Each structure stands twice: as C-alpha cells, then as structure tokens.
Amino acid sequence: MPSIIFVEANGNRKPVDAHAGESGMQAAIRGGVAGIVGECGGSCMCATCHVHVDPAWVELTGEAGEIERETLDFVASNVGSTSRLACQIAMADSLDGLVLHVATGLG
C-alpha cells in the first residue's frame, strides 16, 4: 500500500495510506488533508485538489495532461511547473513516499 505525505499550507506533514489505483485526491479526502476539497469529485474541473508535486517525484508522477493543464490555468492560482490536480495522480506502489504540497487559493 503506497503512502503519500501531504504537506498542508501550515507546513504540517500528514502521511496518508493510499490504495493502488485510487487518486491522490481520494486518499487526501479520506485522510482529512486540510486544503483538499475535491469539489468536482475527481472529474478534473474545479482545481480544489491542486497540489505541487515535490521535485523529487515529478518524473514518476508525470506531467499534467492537456485538460488538467487547462483547468489549472483557468481556475487555480499559485500554478507552477510542478502543479498537478491530485485527482489525476493515480496511486501505484512505485509512488510509495510521494510528497505532495497542498496549493493554496483558487483564481
């Protein structure tokens, strides 16, 4: 079972066990991570699960797809090169220890 370390806006590091195949957003909501809402239920439309992937994990999580990037550009603020929507990061055993920094604010 992979574990994700969410770094909340206040700097609190919150580890959450994730199930393989579940999204980072689903794990965050189940784990009560502050700042992850998942308002659209994971359909890549609201950016309320915006995170910054820790640079050490960017290659393994991959880049945002076209629709994900458009959602980030139109809805989120504080968007950077490591921005992703947690609903679009599928958990796998290879992502055990993944560090995601919760982004703050919507556009």
C-alpha atoms as a PDB file:
ATOM      1  CA  MET A   1       0.000   0.000   0.000  1.00  0.00           C
ATOM      2  CA  PRO A   2       1.636   3.266  -1.102  1.00  0.00           C
ATOM      3  CA  SER A   3       1.803   6.170   1.322  1.00  0.00           C
ATOM      4  CA  ILE A   4       1.529   9.842   0.379  1.00  0.00           C
ATOM      5  CA  ILE A   5       2.962  12.614   2.506  1.00  0.00           C
ATOM      6  CA  PHE A   6       0.801  15.710   2.132  1.00  0.00           C
ATOM      7  CA  VAL A   7       2.371  18.975   3.217  1.00  0.00           C
ATOM      8  CA  GLU A   8      -0.506  21.214   4.267  1.00  0.00           C
ATOM      9  CA  ALA A   9      -0.406  25.006   3.866  1.00  0.00           C
ATOM     10  CA  ASN A  10       0.613  25.433   7.524  1.00  0.00           C
ATOM     11  CA  GLY A  11       3.626  23.150   6.971  1.00  0.00           C
ATOM     12  CA  ASN A  12       2.074  20.149   8.748  1.00  0.00           C
ATOM     13  CA  ARG A  13       3.212  16.885   7.129  1.00  0.00           C
ATOM     14  CA  LYS A  14       0.308  14.444   7.016  1.00  0.00           C
ATOM     15  CA  PRO A  15       1.025  10.866   5.859  1.00  0.00           C
ATOM     16  CA  VAL A  16      -1.923   9.056   4.290  1.00  0.00           C
ATOM     17  CA  ASP A  17      -2.017   5.442   3.139  1.00  0.00           C
ATOM     18  CA  ALA A  18      -3.415   5.136  -0.364  1.00  0.00           C
ATOM     19  CA  HIS A  19      -4.823   2.178  -2.230  1.00  0.00           C
ATOM     20  CA  ALA A  20      -3.212   1.295  -5.562  1.00  0.00           C
ATOM     21  CA  GLY A  21      -5.374   2.718  -8.341  1.00  0.00           C
ATOM     22  CA  GLU A  22      -7.040   5.371  -6.203  1.00  0.00           C
ATOM     23  CA  SER A  23      -6.322   9.016  -6.908  1.00  0.00           C
ATOM     24  CA  GLY A  24      -4.274  11.238  -4.674  1.00  0.00           C
ATOM     25  CA  MET A  25      -7.407  13.333  -4.150  1.00  0.00           C
ATOM     26  CA  GLN A  26      -9.426  10.346  -2.924  1.00  0.00           C
ATOM     27  CA  ALA A  27      -6.678   9.439  -0.461  1.00  0.00           C
ATOM     28  CA  ALA A  28      -6.448  13.056   0.741  1.00  0.00           C
ATOM     29  CA  ILE A  29     -10.178  13.359   1.360  1.00  0.00           C
ATOM     30  CA  ARG A  30     -10.293  10.020   3.148  1.00  0.00           C
ATOM     31  CA  GLY A  31      -7.284  11.111   5.233  1.00  0.00           C
ATOM     32  CA  GLY A  32      -8.739  14.523   6.118  1.00  0.00           C
ATOM     33  CA  VAL A  33      -5.987  16.578   4.486  1.00  0.00           C
ATOM     34  CA  ALA A  34      -6.618  20.298   5.008  1.00  0.00           C
ATOM     35  CA  GLY A  35      -6.999  22.210   1.752  1.00  0.00           C
ATOM     36  CA  ILE A  36      -8.031  19.307  -0.478  1.00  0.00           C
ATOM     37  CA  VAL A  37     -11.745  19.559  -1.241  1.00  0.00           C
ATOM     38  CA  GLY A  38     -12.344  17.600  -4.439  1.00  0.00           C
ATOM     39  CA  GLU A  39     -15.481  19.591  -5.178  1.00  0.00           C
ATOM     40  CA  CYS A  40     -15.996  18.085  -8.653  1.00  0.00           C
ATOM     41  CA  GLY A  41     -15.488  14.531  -7.416  1.00  0.00           C
ATOM     42  CA  GLY A  42     -12.336  13.977  -9.428  1.00  0.00           C
ATOM     43  CA  SER A  43     -13.522  14.986 -12.887  1.00  0.00           C
ATOM     44  CA  CYS A  44     -10.672  17.460 -13.459  1.00  0.00           C
ATOM     45  CA  MET A  45     -12.916  20.523 -13.447  1.00  0.00           C
ATOM     46  CA  CYS A  46     -12.527  22.504 -10.214  1.00  0.00           C
ATOM     47  CA  ALA A  47      -8.860  22.556  -9.113  1.00  0.00           C
ATOM     48  CA  THR A  48      -9.859  22.177  -5.444  1.00  0.00           C
ATOM     49  CA  CYS A  49      -7.280  19.388  -5.232  1.00  0.00           C
ATOM     50  CA  HIS A  50      -4.402  21.458  -6.647  1.00  0.00           C
ATOM     51  CA  VAL A  51      -1.025  20.298  -5.356  1.00  0.00           C
ATOM     52  CA  HIS A  52       2.624  20.926  -6.107  1.00  0.00           C
ATOM     53  CA  VAL A  53       4.483  17.672  -6.630  1.00  0.00           C
ATOM     54  CA  ASP A  54       7.755  17.610  -4.730  1.00  0.00           C
ATOM     55  CA  PRO A  55      10.547  17.996  -7.320  1.00  0.00           C
ATOM     56  CA  ALA A  56      11.991  14.571  -6.445  1.00  0.00           C
ATOM     57  CA  TRP A  57       8.726  12.964  -7.610  1.00  0.00           C
ATOM     58  CA  VAL A  58       7.898  14.925 -10.774  1.00  0.00           C
ATOM     59  CA  GLU A  59       9.350  12.365 -13.167  1.00  0.00           C
ATOM     60  CA  LEU A  60       7.429   9.477 -11.569  1.00  0.00           C
ATOM     61  CA  THR A  61       4.070  11.290 -11.435  1.00  0.00           C
ATOM     62  CA  GLY A  62       4.386  12.633 -14.963  1.00  0.00           C
ATOM     63  CA  GLU A  63       3.219  15.907 -16.410  1.00  0.00           C
ATOM     64  CA  ALA A  64      -0.287  17.307 -16.383  1.00  0.00           C
ATOM     65  CA  GLY A  65      -2.383  16.351 -19.393  1.00  0.00           C
ATOM     66  CA  GLU A  66      -3.994  18.943 -21.659  1.00  0.00           C
ATOM     67  CA  ILE A  67      -7.351  19.123 -19.855  1.00  0.00           C
ATOM     68  CA  GLU A  68      -5.657  19.143 -16.463  1.00  0.00           C
ATOM     69  CA  ARG A  69      -3.336  21.983 -17.533  1.00  0.00           C
ATOM     70  CA  GLU A  70      -6.291  23.988 -18.887  1.00  0.00           C
ATOM     71  CA  THR A  71      -8.181  23.546 -15.618  1.00  0.00           C
ATOM     72  CA  LEU A  72      -5.155  24.692 -13.641  1.00  0.00           C
ATOM     73  CA  ASP A  73      -4.646  27.703 -15.923  1.00  0.00           C
ATOM     74  CA  PHE A  74      -8.281  28.846 -15.785  1.00  0.00           C
ATOM     75  CA  VAL A  75      -9.287  28.009 -12.214  1.00  0.00           C
ATOM     76  CA  ALA A  76      -6.279  27.808  -9.916  1.00  0.00           C
ATOM     77  CA  SER A  77      -3.847  30.387  -8.634  1.00  0.00           C
ATOM     78  CA  ASN A  78      -0.289  29.741  -7.492  1.00  0.00           C
ATOM     79  CA  VAL A  79       0.241  27.492 -10.529  1.00  0.00           C
ATOM     80  CA  GLY A  80       3.806  26.418 -11.192  1.00  0.00           C
ATOM     81  CA  SER A  81       5.813  23.907 -13.157  1.00  0.00           C
ATOM     82  CA  THR A  82       5.137  21.162 -10.582  1.00  0.00           C
ATOM     83  CA  SER A  83       1.387  21.843 -10.312  1.00  0.00           C
ATOM     84  CA  ARG A  84      -0.952  18.889 -10.674  1.00  0.00           C
ATOM     85  CA  LEU A  85      -4.519  18.056  -9.750  1.00  0.00           C
ATOM     86  CA  ALA A  86      -4.371  15.282  -7.171  1.00  0.00           C
ATOM     87  CA  CYS A  87      -7.445  13.718  -8.788  1.00  0.00           C
ATOM     88  CA  GLN A  88      -5.298  12.993 -11.840  1.00  0.00           C
ATOM     89  CA  ILE A  89      -2.465  11.254  -9.994  1.00  0.00           C
ATOM     90  CA  ALA A  90      -3.215   7.523  -9.885  1.00  0.00           C
ATOM     91  CA  MET A  91      -1.523   5.847  -6.964  1.00  0.00           C
ATOM     92  CA  ALA A  92       0.743   2.867  -7.520  1.00  0.00           C
ATOM     93  CA  ASP A  93       3.285   1.013  -5.403  1.00  0.00           C
ATOM     94  CA  SER A  94       6.045   2.900  -7.257  1.00  0.00           C
ATOM     95  CA  LEU A  95       4.751   6.132  -5.705  1.00  0.00           C
ATOM     96  CA  ASP A  96       5.221   4.979  -2.113  1.00  0.00           C
ATOM     97  CA  GLY A  97       6.503   8.005  -0.177  1.00  0.00           C
ATOM     98  CA  LEU A  98       5.190  10.556  -2.717  1.00  0.00           C
ATOM     99  CA  VAL A  99       5.296  14.104  -1.341  1.00  0.00           C
ATOM    100  CA  LEU A 100       2.525  16.495  -2.404  1.00  0.00           C
ATOM    101  CA  HIS A 101       2.384  20.104  -1.227  1.00  0.00           C
ATOM    102  CA  VAL A 102      -1.197  21.400  -0.933  1.00  0.00           C
ATOM    103  CA  ALA A 103      -1.571  24.570  -3.014  1.00  0.00           C
ATOM    104  CA  THR A 104      -3.457  27.494  -1.606  1.00  0.00           C
ATOM    105  CA  GLY A 105      -6.125  29.519  -3.305  1.00  0.00           C
ATOM    106  CA  LEU A 106      -8.291  29.407  -6.371  1.00  0.00           C
ATOM    107  CA  GLY A 107      -8.173  32.083  -9.041  1.00  0.00           C
END
